[in-house]
Amino acid sequence: MAGNARPLVEKVPVSCPVCTSAEHRVVYEPWHDVHDPLALYGAASGVTGTQRIVRCVDCGMIYENPRYPEDVIRSGYESSREGGHDSQYPMRVESFYHALRRNAAQLPPRGARVLDVGTAGGAFLEAARRFGYDAQGLEPSRYLVEQGARRGLDVRQGTIEAHTFDASSFDLVCLWDVIEHLCHPRAALERLRPLLRADGRLLVNYPDIGTWQARFAGRRFWWIISVHLHHFSRVTLKALLDRTGFEAVSFRRYWQRLELGYLEGMAAHYGVPLARVAAGLTPPMIRRLPLPYYASQTTAIARLRR
């Protein structure tokens, strides 16, 4: 099915993922017409300008509405062969490791058992293992599960809805850049909550639409892409945590380090002005240099509400 062909499946209306209200106002209309599930959901970079973005009248949550049915979205995720994202594996390992160290005061001690949901090629698992955790991952993409297995990591293929983990079996459950992809984030947190031990922690890293960068960029905010179904701020994520039995204990900016050339390519893909020009002028040796950056991502840590 071509990207601009007539869709085989129509989009369907959805309610607010936080408060379930059906009342909303349109924030942004789409300006690109793409219907191929693999193009929309088969790569972490996604496609810009394909969604109608709305704001919940009752709680302020921002999300895509209408959207494709869950089976269409999942088929794209499961078919993903995301080599571009995985090409930065060593850099992602370092970024995750430094994030664990920065947030150590709010996390379980070394030796804890950890589940990473949506683990991709396993970069966080490797960082967690170096940090001293016993970590395993869950990932829908068959290709990325194979990548993790080649690295000697414990990665299961599947989704939150179909997991078979025992109750109270983890000290820490992580969703690194995952919650915005989930069709039903509220149900996902409700399903993950019983997996945590009484003193366990939930870590959610997400693109934050409440930052000044997001407000300045408007509809061109780089995280408004087809793979992101929901756009949380600190306020709306805290509301979701409250409604699912969690209590937020910290919010911190997430800094990571990736190769300059990769970042230039992503900026060009998202339509950042002059990004293609800059990429063409950067020498190959410079393109391989690691660049620390903050791109409106936030790390939230929560505990079970007492």
C-alpha atoms as a PDB file:
ATOM      1  CA  MET A   1       0.000   0.000   0.000  1.00  0.00           C
ATOM      2  CA  ALA A   2       1.567   3.273  -1.055  1.00  0.00           C
ATOM      3  CA  GLY A   3       2.012   6.057   1.452  1.00  0.00           C
ATOM      4  CA  ASN A   4      -0.598   8.267  -0.237  1.00  0.00           C
ATOM      5  CA  ALA A   5      -2.981   5.482  -1.298  1.00  0.00           C
ATOM      6  CA  ARG A   6      -6.543   5.303  -0.022  1.00  0.00           C
ATOM      7  CA  PRO A   7      -6.489   3.798   3.504  1.00  0.00           C
ATOM      8  CA  LEU A   8      -7.700   0.207   3.829  1.00  0.00           C
ATOM      9  CA  VAL A   9      -8.843   0.956   7.390  1.00  0.00           C
ATOM     10  CA  GLU A  10     -10.421   4.180   8.604  1.00  0.00           C
ATOM     11  CA  LYS A  11      -9.314   6.037  11.705  1.00  0.00           C
ATOM     12  CA  VAL A  12     -11.602   5.767  14.716  1.00  0.00           C
ATOM     13  CA  PRO A  13     -12.447   8.297  17.485  1.00  0.00           C
ATOM     14  CA  VAL A  14     -10.869   7.712  20.905  1.00  0.00           C
ATOM     15  CA  SER A  15     -11.408   9.209  24.348  1.00  0.00           C
ATOM     16  CA  CYS A  16      -8.868  10.945  26.568  1.00  0.00           C
ATOM     17  CA  PRO A  17      -6.204   8.456  27.741  1.00  0.00           C
ATOM     18  CA  VAL A  18      -6.024  10.093  31.182  1.00  0.00           C
ATOM     19  CA  CYS A  19      -9.596  10.926  32.262  1.00  0.00           C
ATOM     20  CA  THR A  20     -11.582   9.074  29.508  1.00  0.00           C
ATOM     21  CA  SER A  21     -13.540  12.220  28.587  1.00  0.00           C
ATOM     22  CA  ALA A  22     -14.755  12.457  24.986  1.00  0.00           C
ATOM     23  CA  GLU A  23     -14.801  16.260  25.052  1.00  0.00           C
ATOM     24  CA  HIS A  24     -11.894  17.854  23.211  1.00  0.00           C
ATOM     25  CA  ARG A  25     -10.756  20.754  21.072  1.00  0.00           C
ATOM     26  CA  VAL A  26      -8.583  20.468  17.971  1.00  0.00           C
ATOM     27  CA  VAL A  27      -5.057  21.830  18.428  1.00  0.00           C
ATOM     28  CA  TYR A  28      -3.420  20.897  15.100  1.00  0.00           C
ATOM     29  CA  GLU A  29      -4.782  19.505  11.840  1.00  0.00           C
ATOM     30  CA  PRO A  30      -2.685  17.134   9.667  1.00  0.00           C
ATOM     31  CA  TRP A  31      -0.932  18.396   6.550  1.00  0.00           C
ATOM     32  CA  HIS A  32       0.484  15.112   5.199  1.00  0.00           C
ATOM     33  CA  ASP A  33      -1.629  12.219   3.874  1.00  0.00           C
ATOM     34  CA  VAL A  34       0.121   8.920   4.748  1.00  0.00           C
ATOM     35  CA  HIS A  35      -1.681   5.614   5.417  1.00  0.00           C
ATOM     36  CA  ASP A  36       0.958   2.859   5.243  1.00  0.00           C
ATOM     37  CA  PRO A  37       1.226   1.314   8.767  1.00  0.00           C
ATOM     38  CA  LEU A  38       4.888   0.427   8.252  1.00  0.00           C
ATOM     39  CA  ALA A  39       5.709   4.018   7.291  1.00  0.00           C
ATOM     40  CA  LEU A  40       3.674   5.412  10.178  1.00  0.00           C
ATOM     41  CA  TYR A  41       4.628   2.978  12.946  1.00  0.00           C
ATOM     42  CA  GLY A  42       7.532   0.854  11.695  1.00  0.00           C
ATOM     43  CA  ALA A  43      10.333   3.260  12.643  1.00  0.00           C
ATOM     44  CA  ALA A  44      11.071   5.200  15.823  1.00  0.00           C
ATOM     45  CA  SER A  45      11.391   8.416  13.780  1.00  0.00           C
ATOM     46  CA  GLY A  46       7.791   8.235  12.507  1.00  0.00           C
ATOM     47  CA  VAL A  47       6.287  10.761  10.070  1.00  0.00           C
ATOM     48  CA  THR A  48       5.430  14.378  10.804  1.00  0.00           C
ATOM     49  CA  GLY A  49       2.130  16.106  10.039  1.00  0.00           C
ATOM     50  CA  THR A  50      -0.117  13.039   9.675  1.00  0.00           C
ATOM     51  CA  GLN A  51      -2.260  13.427  12.814  1.00  0.00           C
ATOM     52  CA  ARG A  52      -5.113  15.495  14.126  1.00  0.00           C
ATOM     53  CA  ILE A  53      -3.943  16.548  17.576  1.00  0.00           C
ATOM     54  CA  VAL A  54      -6.570  17.458  20.194  1.00  0.00           C
ATOM     55  CA  ARG A  55      -6.635  18.691  23.789  1.00  0.00           C
ATOM     56  CA  CYS A  56      -8.979  17.192  26.383  1.00  0.00           C
ATOM     57  CA  VAL A  57     -11.409  19.847  27.634  1.00  0.00           C
ATOM     58  CA  ASP A  58     -11.575  18.268  31.105  1.00  0.00           C
ATOM     59  CA  CYS A  59      -7.926  17.498  32.003  1.00  0.00           C
ATOM     60  CA  GLY A  60      -5.803  19.178  29.318  1.00  0.00           C
ATOM     61  CA  MET A  61      -4.250  15.982  27.935  1.00  0.00           C
ATOM     62  CA  ILE A  62      -3.013  16.288  24.327  1.00  0.00           C
ATOM     63  CA  TYR A  63      -3.401  13.256  22.043  1.00  0.00           C
ATOM     64  CA  GLU A  64      -4.142  12.008  18.519  1.00  0.00           C
ATOM     65  CA  ASN A  65      -7.860  11.735  17.711  1.00  0.00           C
ATOM     66  CA  PRO A  66      -9.101   9.995  15.634  1.00  0.00           C
ATOM     67  CA  ARG A  67      -6.431   7.367  15.061  1.00  0.00           C
ATOM     68  CA  TYR A  68      -5.965   3.976  13.458  1.00  0.00           C
ATOM     69  CA  PRO A  69      -7.270   0.879  15.308  1.00  0.00           C
ATOM     70  CA  GLU A  70      -4.902  -0.826  17.723  1.00  0.00           C
ATOM     71  CA  ASP A  71      -4.241  -3.840  15.482  1.00  0.00           C
ATOM     72  CA  VAL A  72      -3.043  -1.591  12.649  1.00  0.00           C
ATOM     73  CA  ILE A  73      -0.676   0.273  14.965  1.00  0.00           C
ATOM     74  CA  ARG A  74       0.643  -2.916  16.532  1.00  0.00           C
ATOM     75  CA  SER A  75       1.305  -4.482  13.129  1.00  0.00           C
ATOM     76  CA  GLY A  76       3.594  -1.587  12.294  1.00  0.00           C
ATOM     77  CA  TYR A  77       5.488  -1.889  15.592  1.00  0.00           C
ATOM     78  CA  GLU A  78       5.912  -5.655  15.288  1.00  0.00           C
ATOM     79  CA  SER A  79       7.224  -5.335  11.718  1.00  0.00           C
ATOM     80  CA  SER A  80       9.747  -2.641  12.638  1.00  0.00           C
ATOM     81  CA  ARG A  81      13.311  -3.127  11.430  1.00  0.00           C
ATOM     82  CA  GLU A  82      14.676   0.026  13.029  1.00  0.00           C
ATOM     83  CA  GLY A  83      18.342  -0.040  12.069  1.00  0.00           C
ATOM     84  CA  GLY A  84      18.749   3.722  12.372  1.00  0.00           C
ATOM     85  CA  HIS A  85      17.722   3.848  16.032  1.00  0.00           C
ATOM     86  CA  ASP A  86      19.852   0.804  16.838  1.00  0.00           C
ATOM     87  CA  SER A  87      22.893   2.293  15.060  1.00  0.00           C
ATOM     88  CA  GLN A  88      23.386   4.539  18.107  1.00  0.00           C
ATOM     89  CA  TYR A  89      23.409   1.589  20.508  1.00  0.00           C
ATOM     90  CA  PRO A  90      26.741   2.343  22.263  1.00  0.00           C
ATOM     91  CA  MET A  91      25.738   6.001  22.768  1.00  0.00           C
ATOM     92  CA  ARG A  92      22.340   4.999  24.140  1.00  0.00           C
ATOM     93  CA  VAL A  93      23.975   2.619  26.612  1.00  0.00           C
ATOM     94  CA  GLU A  94      26.119   5.479  27.934  1.00  0.00           C
ATOM     95  CA  SER A  95      23.134   7.851  28.131  1.00  0.00           C
ATOM     96  CA  PHE A  96      21.080   5.321  30.090  1.00  0.00           C
ATOM     97  CA  TYR A  97      23.963   4.553  32.433  1.00  0.00           C
ATOM     98  CA  HIS A  98      24.483   8.229  33.254  1.00  0.00           C
ATOM     99  CA  ALA A  99      20.718   8.659  33.771  1.00  0.00           C
ATOM    100  CA  LEU A 100      20.733   5.801  36.281  1.00  0.00           C
ATOM    101  CA  ARG A 101      23.594   7.420  38.160  1.00  0.00           C
ATOM    102  CA  ARG A 102      21.902  10.848  38.176  1.00  0.00           C
ATOM    103  CA  ASN A 103      18.649   9.384  39.511  1.00  0.00           C
ATOM    104  CA  ALA A 104      20.212   6.822  41.860  1.00  0.00           C
ATOM    105  CA  ALA A 105      18.812   8.458  45.005  1.00  0.00           C
ATOM    106  CA  GLN A 106      15.249   7.734  43.809  1.00  0.00           C
ATOM    107  CA  LEU A 107      15.917   4.239  42.424  1.00  0.00           C
ATOM    108  CA  PRO A 108      16.263   0.777  44.013  1.00  0.00           C
ATOM    109  CA  PRO A 109      19.775  -0.267  45.104  1.00  0.00           C
ATOM    110  CA  ARG A 110      22.132  -2.436  43.089  1.00  0.00           C
ATOM    111  CA  GLY A 111      20.993  -6.039  42.859  1.00  0.00           C
ATOM    112  CA  ALA A 112      17.373  -5.037  42.146  1.00  0.00           C
ATOM    113  CA  ARG A 113      15.313  -6.904  39.580  1.00  0.00           C
ATOM    114  CA  VAL A 114      14.287  -4.659  36.670  1.00  0.00           C
ATOM    115  CA  LEU A 115      11.843  -4.902  33.759  1.00  0.00           C
ATOM    116  CA  ASP A 116      12.311  -2.574  30.779  1.00  0.00           C
ATOM    117  CA  VAL A 117       9.145  -2.330  28.662  1.00  0.00           C
ATOM    118  CA  GLY A 118       9.759  -1.481  24.990  1.00  0.00           C
ATOM    119  CA  THR A 119      13.454  -2.170  25.341  1.00  0.00           C
ATOM    120  CA  ALA A 120      14.274  -1.919  21.584  1.00  0.00           C
ATOM    121  CA  GLY A 121      17.725  -3.455  20.990  1.00  0.00           C
ATOM    122  CA  GLY A 122      18.483  -3.651  24.708  1.00  0.00           C
ATOM    123  CA  ALA A 123      20.656  -0.579  25.310  1.00  0.00           C
ATOM    124  CA  PHE A 124      19.024   0.095  28.672  1.00  0.00           C
ATOM    125  CA  LEU A 125      19.425  -3.539  29.700  1.00  0.00           C
ATOM    126  CA  GLU A 126      23.165  -3.331  29.124  1.00  0.00           C
ATOM    127  CA  ALA A 127      23.383  -0.052  31.053  1.00  0.00           C
ATOM    128  CA  ALA A 128      21.306  -1.520  33.897  1.00  0.00           C
ATOM    129  CA  ARG A 129      23.495  -4.608  34.043  1.00  0.00           C
ATOM    130  CA  ARG A 130      26.585  -2.382  34.309  1.00  0.00           C
ATOM    131  CA  PHE A 131      24.832  -0.405  37.066  1.00  0.00           C
ATOM    132  CA  GLY A 132      24.349  -3.632  39.018  1.00  0.00           C
ATOM    133  CA  TYR A 133      20.754  -4.549  38.196  1.00  0.00           C
ATOM    134  CA  ASP A 134      19.306  -7.894  37.128  1.00  0.00           C
ATOM    135  CA  ALA A 135      17.429  -6.637  34.053  1.00  0.00           C
ATOM    136  CA  GLN A 136      15.186  -8.138  31.407  1.00  0.00           C
ATOM    137  CA  GLY A 137      13.222  -6.515  28.606  1.00  0.00           C
ATOM    138  CA  LEU A 138       9.948  -6.736  26.719  1.00  0.00           C
ATOM    139  CA  GLU A 139       9.830  -5.609  23.078  1.00  0.00           C
ATOM    140  CA  PRO A 140       7.191  -5.992  20.296  1.00  0.00           C
ATOM    141  CA  SER A 141       9.607  -5.760  17.329  1.00  0.00           C
ATOM    142  CA  ARG A 142      10.824  -9.216  16.345  1.00  0.00           C
ATOM    143  CA  TYR A 143      13.871  -7.703  14.633  1.00  0.00           C
ATOM    144  CA  LEU A 144      14.937  -5.774  17.743  1.00  0.00           C
ATOM    145  CA  VAL A 145      14.389  -8.817  19.979  1.00  0.00           C
ATOM    146  CA  GLU A 146      16.851 -10.683  17.751  1.00  0.00           C
ATOM    147  CA  GLN A 147      19.316  -7.821  18.082  1.00  0.00           C
ATOM    148  CA  GLY A 148      19.080  -7.994  21.860  1.00  0.00           C
ATOM    149  CA  ALA A 149      19.536 -11.772  21.841  1.00  0.00           C
ATOM    150  CA  ARG A 150      22.709 -11.428  19.748  1.00  0.00           C
ATOM    151  CA  ARG A 151      24.062  -9.150  22.465  1.00  0.00           C
ATOM    152  CA  GLY A 152      23.416 -11.772  25.116  1.00  0.00           C
ATOM    153  CA  LEU A 153      20.545  -9.830  26.696  1.00  0.00           C
ATOM    154  CA  ASP A 154      17.326 -11.194  28.191  1.00  0.00           C
ATOM    155  CA  VAL A 155      14.601  -9.820  25.886  1.00  0.00           C
ATOM    156  CA  ARG A 156      11.127 -11.301  25.408  1.00  0.00           C
ATOM    157  CA  GLN A 157       9.062 -10.584  22.316  1.00  0.00           C
ATOM    158  CA  GLY A 158       5.612  -9.235  23.146  1.00  0.00           C
ATOM    159  CA  THR A 159       3.522  -6.470  24.651  1.00  0.00           C
ATOM    160  CA  ILE A 160       2.378  -5.380  28.099  1.00  0.00           C
ATOM    161  CA  GLU A 161      -1.112  -6.747  27.451  1.00  0.00           C
ATOM    162  CA  ALA A 162       0.193 -10.274  26.827  1.00  0.00           C
ATOM    163  CA  HIS A 163       2.951 -10.543  29.459  1.00  0.00           C
ATOM    164  CA  THR A 164       3.179 -13.519  31.813  1.00  0.00           C
ATOM    165  CA  PHE A 165       5.374 -12.076  34.575  1.00  0.00           C
ATOM    166  CA  ASP A 166       4.564 -12.979  38.175  1.00  0.00           C
ATOM    167  CA  ALA A 167       3.082 -10.428  40.572  1.00  0.00           C
ATOM    168  CA  SER A 168       5.499  -8.564  42.866  1.00  0.00           C
ATOM    169  CA  SER A 169       8.486  -9.807  40.876  1.00  0.00           C
ATOM    170  CA  PHE A 170      10.259  -6.502  40.082  1.00  0.00           C
ATOM    171  CA  ASP A 171      11.826  -3.688  42.077  1.00  0.00           C
ATOM    172  CA  LEU A 172      11.796  -1.311  39.110  1.00  0.00           C
ATOM    173  CA  VAL A 173       9.708  -1.150  35.924  1.00  0.00           C
ATOM    174  CA  CYS A 174      10.893   1.234  33.204  1.00  0.00           C
ATOM    175  CA  LEU A 175       9.214   2.755  30.165  1.00  0.00           C
ATOM    176  CA  TRP A 176      11.908   4.695  28.333  1.00  0.00           C
ATOM    177  CA  ASP A 177      10.222   6.695  25.559  1.00  0.00           C
ATOM    178  CA  VAL A 178       7.404   4.148  25.428  1.00  0.00           C
ATOM    179  CA  ILE A 179       4.277   5.514  27.101  1.00  0.00           C
ATOM    180  CA  GLU A 180       3.605   7.932  24.223  1.00  0.00           C
ATOM    181  CA  HIS A 181       3.476   4.936  21.829  1.00  0.00           C
ATOM    182  CA  LEU A 182       0.926   2.900  23.773  1.00  0.00           C
ATOM    183  CA  CYS A 183      -2.678   2.781  22.592  1.00  0.00           C
ATOM    184  CA  HIS A 184      -3.934   2.512  26.176  1.00  0.00           C
ATOM    185  CA  PRO A 185      -1.365   4.015  28.593  1.00  0.00           C
ATOM    186  CA  ARG A 186      -3.766   4.009  31.539  1.00  0.00           C
ATOM    187  CA  ALA A 187      -4.534   0.313  31.161  1.00  0.00           C
ATOM    188  CA  ALA A 188      -0.811  -0.383  30.673  1.00  0.00           C
ATOM    189  CA  LEU A 189       0.133   1.219  33.993  1.00  0.00           C
ATOM    190  CA  GLU A 190      -2.716  -0.600  35.723  1.00  0.00           C
ATOM    191  CA  ARG A 191      -1.371  -3.880  34.317  1.00  0.00           C
ATOM    192  CA  LEU A 192       2.213  -3.092  35.308  1.00  0.00           C
ATOM    193  CA  ARG A 193       1.399  -1.918  38.841  1.00  0.00           C
ATOM    194  CA  PRO A 194       0.944  -5.441  40.330  1.00  0.00           C
ATOM    195  CA  LEU A 195       4.375  -6.466  39.011  1.00  0.00           C
ATOM    196  CA  LEU A 196       6.098  -4.101  41.453  1.00  0.00           C
ATOM    197  CA  ARG A 197       7.063  -5.044  44.972  1.00  0.00           C
ATOM    198  CA  ALA A 198       5.683  -2.871  47.772  1.00  0.00           C
ATOM    199  CA  ASP A 199       8.719  -0.555  47.805  1.00  0.00           C
ATOM    200  CA  GLY A 200       9.222  -0.677  44.024  1.00  0.00           C
ATOM    201  CA  ARG A 201       9.593   2.190  41.571  1.00  0.00           C
ATOM    202  CA  LEU A 202       8.180   3.047  38.160  1.00  0.00           C
ATOM    203  CA  LEU A 203      10.344   5.076  35.755  1.00  0.00           C
ATOM    204  CA  VAL A 204       8.689   6.819  32.800  1.00  0.00           C
ATOM    205  CA  ASN A 205      10.816   8.803  30.359  1.00  0.00           C
ATOM    206  CA  TYR A 206       8.698  10.772  27.883  1.00  0.00           C
ATOM    207  CA  PRO A 207       8.729  13.658  25.374  1.00  0.00           C
ATOM    208  CA  ASP A 208       7.411  16.612  27.371  1.00  0.00           C
ATOM    209  CA  ILE A 209       4.972  18.832  25.462  1.00  0.00           C
ATOM    210  CA  GLY A 210       4.873  21.237  28.395  1.00  0.00           C
ATOM    211  CA  THR A 211       8.382  22.639  27.820  1.00  0.00           C
ATOM    212  CA  TRP A 212       9.130  26.070  26.396  1.00  0.00           C
ATOM    213  CA  GLN A 213      10.689  24.349  23.358  1.00  0.00           C
ATOM    214  CA  ALA A 214       7.399  22.602  22.615  1.00  0.00           C
ATOM    215  CA  ARG A 215       5.385  25.799  22.993  1.00  0.00           C
ATOM    216  CA  PHE A 216       7.821  27.693  20.769  1.00  0.00           C
ATOM    217  CA  ALA A 217       7.844  25.012  18.047  1.00  0.00           C
ATOM    218  CA  GLY A 218       4.030  24.646  17.964  1.00  0.00           C
ATOM    219  CA  ARG A 219       2.821  22.090  15.425  1.00  0.00           C
ATOM    220  CA  ARG A 220       6.449  21.648  14.302  1.00  0.00           C
ATOM    221  CA  PHE A 221       7.485  20.273  17.702  1.00  0.00           C
ATOM    222  CA  TRP A 222       9.808  17.405  16.750  1.00  0.00           C
ATOM    223  CA  TRP A 223       8.061  14.873  18.958  1.00  0.00           C
ATOM    224  CA  ILE A 224       4.675  15.279  17.238  1.00  0.00           C
ATOM    225  CA  ILE A 225       5.191  12.302  14.945  1.00  0.00           C
ATOM    226  CA  SER A 226       3.026   9.401  13.814  1.00  0.00           C
ATOM    227  CA  VAL A 227       4.434   6.905  16.333  1.00  0.00           C
ATOM    228  CA  HIS A 228       3.513   9.182  19.251  1.00  0.00           C
ATOM    229  CA  LEU A 229      -0.173   8.786  20.028  1.00  0.00           C
ATOM    230  CA  HIS A 230      -0.084  10.828  23.262  1.00  0.00           C
ATOM    231  CA  HIS A 231       1.713  13.994  24.350  1.00  0.00           C
ATOM    232  CA  PHE A 232       2.205  14.280  28.097  1.00  0.00           C
ATOM    233  CA  SER A 233       3.280  17.234  30.216  1.00  0.00           C
ATOM    234  CA  ARG A 234       4.326  16.977  33.850  1.00  0.00           C
ATOM    235  CA  VAL A 235       0.768  17.890  34.834  1.00  0.00           C
ATOM    236  CA  THR A 236      -0.969  15.256  32.706  1.00  0.00           C
ATOM    237  CA  LEU A 237       1.541  12.509  33.448  1.00  0.00           C
ATOM    238  CA  LYS A 238       1.162  13.151  37.172  1.00  0.00           C
ATOM    239  CA  ALA A 239      -2.617  12.946  36.715  1.00  0.00           C
ATOM    240  CA  LEU A 240      -2.244   9.578  34.951  1.00  0.00           C
ATOM    241  CA  LEU A 241       0.048   8.283  37.701  1.00  0.00           C
ATOM    242  CA  ASP A 242      -2.443   9.402  40.355  1.00  0.00           C
ATOM    243  CA  ARG A 243      -5.310   7.626  38.595  1.00  0.00           C
ATOM    244  CA  THR A 244      -3.370   4.347  38.309  1.00  0.00           C
ATOM    245  CA  GLY A 245      -2.204   4.028  41.900  1.00  0.00           C
ATOM    246  CA  PHE A 246       1.191   5.740  41.696  1.00  0.00           C
ATOM    247  CA  GLU A 247       2.702   8.752  43.416  1.00  0.00           C
ATOM    248  CA  ALA A 248       5.298  10.814  41.525  1.00  0.00           C
ATOM    249  CA  VAL A 249       8.486  11.391  43.540  1.00  0.00           C
ATOM    250  CA  SER A 250      10.656  13.210  40.986  1.00  0.00           C
ATOM    251  CA  PHE A 251      10.735  14.821  37.540  1.00  0.00           C
ATOM    252  CA  ARG A 252      14.092  15.584  35.895  1.00  0.00           C
ATOM    253  CA  ARG A 253      15.239  16.654  32.460  1.00  0.00           C
ATOM    254  CA  TYR A 254      16.711  13.797  30.450  1.00  0.00           C
ATOM    255  CA  TRP A 255      20.018  14.575  28.786  1.00  0.00           C
ATOM    256  CA  GLN A 256      21.480  12.091  26.364  1.00  0.00           C
ATOM    257  CA  ARG A 257      24.470  11.823  24.058  1.00  0.00           C
ATOM    258  CA  LEU A 258      24.262  10.748  20.392  1.00  0.00           C
ATOM    259  CA  GLU A 259      26.468  11.234  17.334  1.00  0.00           C
ATOM    260  CA  LEU A 260      26.217  14.678  15.749  1.00  0.00           C
ATOM    261  CA  GLY A 261      25.602  13.192  12.306  1.00  0.00           C
ATOM    262  CA  TYR A 262      22.702  11.093  13.569  1.00  0.00           C
ATOM    263  CA  LEU A 263      21.148  14.128  15.242  1.00  0.00           C
ATOM    264  CA  GLU A 264      21.567  16.184  12.059  1.00  0.00           C
ATOM    265  CA  GLY A 265      19.816  13.453  10.090  1.00  0.00           C
ATOM    266  CA  MET A 266      16.929  13.317  12.554  1.00  0.00           C
ATOM    267  CA  ALA A 267      16.597  17.107  12.521  1.00  0.00           C
ATOM    268  CA  ALA A 268      16.420  17.038   8.720  1.00  0.00           C
ATOM    269  CA  HIS A 269      13.824  14.249   8.854  1.00  0.00           C
ATOM    270  CA  TYR A 270      11.669  16.329  11.201  1.00  0.00           C
ATOM    271  CA  GLY A 271      11.938  19.397   8.980  1.00  0.00           C
ATOM    272  CA  VAL A 272      14.057  21.571  11.279  1.00  0.00           C
ATOM    273  CA  PRO A 273      15.034  24.663   9.231  1.00  0.00           C
ATOM    274  CA  LEU A 274      18.542  24.499   7.649  1.00  0.00           C
ATOM    275  CA  ALA A 275      19.199  21.025   9.106  1.00  0.00           C
ATOM    276  CA  ARG A 276      19.883  19.477   5.679  1.00  0.00           C
ATOM    277  CA  VAL A 277      22.235  22.304   4.802  1.00  0.00           C
ATOM    278  CA  ALA A 278      24.138  21.893   8.061  1.00  0.00           C
ATOM    279  CA  ALA A 279      24.381  18.123   7.603  1.00  0.00           C
ATOM    280  CA  GLY A 280      25.831  18.572   4.126  1.00  0.00           C
ATOM    281  CA  LEU A 281      28.513  20.932   5.422  1.00  0.00           C
ATOM    282  CA  THR A 282      29.644  18.810   8.386  1.00  0.00           C
ATOM    283  CA  PRO A 283      32.854  16.780   7.739  1.00  0.00           C
ATOM    284  CA  PRO A 284      32.507  12.990   8.276  1.00  0.00           C
ATOM    285  CA  MET A 285      34.940  12.994  11.210  1.00  0.00           C
ATOM    286  CA  ILE A 286      32.915  15.691  12.978  1.00  0.00           C
ATOM    287  CA  ARG A 287      29.649  13.849  12.291  1.00  0.00           C
ATOM    288  CA  ARG A 288      30.885  10.946  14.443  1.00  0.00           C
ATOM    289  CA  LEU A 289      31.489  13.108  17.513  1.00  0.00           C
ATOM    290  CA  PRO A 290      29.151  12.517  20.490  1.00  0.00           C
ATOM    291  CA  LEU A 291      26.956  15.491  21.337  1.00  0.00           C
ATOM    292  CA  PRO A 292      25.191  15.916  24.699  1.00  0.00           C
ATOM    293  CA  TYR A 293      21.755  17.459  24.242  1.00  0.00           C
ATOM    294  CA  TYR A 294      18.364  18.056  25.829  1.00  0.00           C
ATOM    295  CA  ALA A 295      15.361  17.770  23.506  1.00  0.00           C
ATOM    296  CA  SER A 296      12.353  18.279  25.817  1.00  0.00           C
ATOM    297  CA  GLN A 297      12.423  14.810  27.362  1.00  0.00           C
ATOM    298  CA  THR A 298      11.625  14.279  31.040  1.00  0.00           C
ATOM    299  CA  THR A 299      12.317  11.368  33.391  1.00  0.00           C
ATOM    300  CA  ALA A 300       9.577  10.774  35.961  1.00  0.00           C
ATOM    301  CA  ILE A 301       9.987   8.351  38.863  1.00  0.00           C
ATOM    302  CA  ALA A 302       7.013   7.171  40.905  1.00  0.00           C
ATOM    303  CA  ARG A 303       6.276   4.785  43.750  1.00  0.00           C
ATOM    304  CA  LEU A 304       3.174   2.845  44.658  1.00  0.00           C
ATOM    305  CA  ARG A 305       0.683   5.081  46.400  1.00  0.00           C
ATOM    306  CA  ARG A 306       0.411   4.240  50.086  1.00  0.00           C
END
